[in-house]
Amino acid sequence: MATKAERRAARERVSAYHESQLAELLGHVGAEIDRYRAGEIDAYAADETIHHYHRAAAELWKFCFARGGGAHAEFIAGLLRPHDRRRRNHRLVGTHRPWPPLTTVERAKRRYASIATT
């Protein structure tokens, strides 16, 4: 069983991940709105991006917080550790992450589902 400080650190790590992913999602929405304002895309394409944002943000929240409790936060924080290392390496090589950026979350959810069933 983790200490109170460890659970707090896990919650902070998950919250920081949630915030960073939301910022990334909002960046995509902002870019599409800018493209709409510049006349590059129509209103329907911009609306589609907003729709995808809404669904992605809901899935992100469910992944990070839906089960509540300290044990869930510890588990998710443990899943995020490899993500942090990959992300640092990813940024070093200068490649661009594809839209939507929740592929890591989806992989973690699948991993969680396989662990929970065993």
Protein backbone atom coordinates (compact mmCIF):
# COMPACT_ATOMS: atom_id res chain seq x y z
CA MET A 1 0.00 0.00 0.00
CA ALA A 2 1.32 3.40 -0.96
CA THR A 3 1.83 6.22 1.46
CA LYS A 4 -0.27 9.36 1.40
CA ALA A 5 2.61 11.26 -0.23
CA GLU A 6 2.97 8.60 -2.96
CA ARG A 7 -0.76 8.72 -3.72
CA ARG A 8 -0.61 12.53 -3.87
CA ALA A 9 2.36 12.37 -6.23
CA ALA A 10 0.49 9.87 -8.42
CA ARG A 11 -2.58 12.13 -8.56
CA GLU A 12 -0.38 15.10 -9.48
CA ARG A 13 1.35 13.08 -12.22
CA VAL A 14 -2.00 12.00 -13.70
CA SER A 15 -3.35 15.56 -13.48
CA ALA A 16 -0.26 16.92 -15.22
CA TYR A 17 -0.63 14.32 -17.96
CA HIS A 18 -4.32 15.19 -18.34
CA GLU A 19 -3.54 18.88 -18.61
CA SER A 20 -0.73 18.36 -21.14
CA GLN A 21 -2.92 16.17 -23.33
CA LEU A 22 -5.80 18.68 -23.15
CA ALA A 23 -3.42 21.44 -24.20
CA GLU A 24 -2.30 19.35 -27.15
CA LEU A 25 -5.90 18.66 -28.16
CA LEU A 26 -6.76 22.34 -27.88
CA GLY A 27 -3.77 23.16 -30.05
CA HIS A 28 -5.27 21.04 -32.82
CA VAL A 29 -8.63 22.78 -32.42
CA GLY A 30 -6.95 26.20 -32.49
CA ALA A 31 -5.04 25.32 -35.65
CA GLU A 32 -8.23 24.20 -37.38
CA ILE A 33 -10.08 27.35 -36.31
CA ASP A 34 -7.20 29.41 -37.72
CA ARG A 35 -7.47 27.46 -40.99
CA TYR A 36 -11.22 28.16 -41.03
CA ARG A 37 -10.67 31.87 -40.48
CA ALA A 38 -8.11 31.89 -43.29
CA GLY A 39 -10.66 30.26 -45.61
CA GLU A 40 -8.67 27.05 -46.06
CA ILE A 41 -11.45 24.81 -44.72
CA ASP A 42 -15.21 25.15 -44.41
CA ALA A 43 -17.31 25.34 -41.26
CA TYR A 44 -18.16 21.64 -41.41
CA ALA A 45 -14.50 20.63 -41.25
CA ALA A 46 -13.95 22.94 -38.28
CA ASP A 47 -17.06 21.53 -36.59
CA GLU A 48 -15.78 17.99 -37.18
CA THR A 49 -12.53 18.88 -35.42
CA ILE A 50 -14.45 20.30 -32.45
CA HIS A 51 -16.53 17.11 -32.35
CA HIS A 52 -13.36 14.98 -32.32
CA TYR A 53 -11.94 17.19 -29.57
CA HIS A 54 -15.04 16.70 -27.43
CA ARG A 55 -14.92 12.92 -27.79
CA ALA A 56 -11.15 12.77 -27.22
CA ALA A 57 -11.37 15.00 -24.13
CA ALA A 58 -14.12 12.79 -22.68
CA GLU A 59 -12.06 9.63 -23.28
CA LEU A 60 -9.02 11.27 -21.75
CA TRP A 61 -10.97 12.22 -18.64
CA LYS A 62 -12.38 8.69 -18.32
CA PHE A 63 -8.90 7.22 -18.63
CA CYS A 64 -7.38 9.56 -16.06
CA PHE A 65 -10.12 9.99 -13.47
CA ALA A 66 -13.23 7.85 -14.04
CA ARG A 67 -12.42 5.18 -11.48
CA GLY A 68 -11.36 7.75 -8.89
CA GLY A 69 -9.46 6.73 -5.82
CA GLY A 70 -5.78 6.63 -5.02
CA ALA A 71 -5.18 3.11 -6.33
CA HIS A 72 -6.42 4.06 -9.80
CA ALA A 73 -4.22 7.17 -9.83
CA GLU A 74 -1.21 5.05 -8.81
CA PHE A 75 -1.95 2.55 -11.57
CA ILE A 76 -2.34 5.24 -14.24
CA ALA A 77 0.78 7.05 -13.03
CA GLY A 78 2.65 3.76 -13.42
CA LEU A 79 1.39 3.46 -17.00
CA LEU A 80 2.53 6.99 -17.76
CA ARG A 81 6.16 6.42 -16.76
CA PRO A 82 7.05 4.64 -20.03
CA HIS A 83 5.06 7.32 -21.90
CA ASP A 84 7.27 10.05 -20.42
CA ARG A 85 10.45 8.32 -21.57
CA ARG A 86 9.08 7.74 -25.08
CA ARG A 87 7.88 11.31 -25.27
CA ARG A 88 11.30 12.73 -24.37
CA ASN A 89 12.95 10.51 -26.97
CA HIS A 90 10.21 11.38 -29.44
CA ARG A 91 10.89 15.09 -29.04
CA LEU A 92 14.62 14.55 -29.50
CA VAL A 93 14.21 13.02 -32.95
CA GLY A 94 11.89 15.87 -33.96
CA THR A 95 9.05 13.82 -35.41
CA HIS A 96 5.44 14.92 -35.24
CA ARG A 97 2.82 12.98 -33.30
CA PRO A 98 -0.23 12.12 -35.39
CA TRP A 99 -3.75 13.35 -34.68
CA PRO A 100 -5.47 12.28 -32.49
CA PRO A 101 -2.80 12.25 -29.81
CA LEU A 102 -4.69 9.74 -27.66
CA THR A 103 -3.12 6.66 -29.19
CA THR A 104 -0.99 6.28 -26.07
CA VAL A 105 -4.10 6.45 -23.93
CA GLU A 106 -5.83 3.85 -26.07
CA ARG A 107 -2.82 1.52 -25.80
CA ALA A 108 -2.77 1.99 -22.03
CA LYS A 109 -6.49 1.27 -21.81
CA ARG A 110 -5.99 -1.97 -23.71
CA ARG A 111 -3.11 -2.88 -21.41
CA TYR A 112 -5.27 -2.08 -18.39
CA ALA A 113 -8.11 -4.22 -19.73
CA SER A 114 -5.78 -7.20 -20.27
CA ILE A 115 -4.31 -6.82 -16.78
CA ALA A 116 -7.74 -6.49 -15.17
CA THR A 117 -9.01 -9.71 -16.78
CA THR A 118 -6.06 -11.84 -15.67
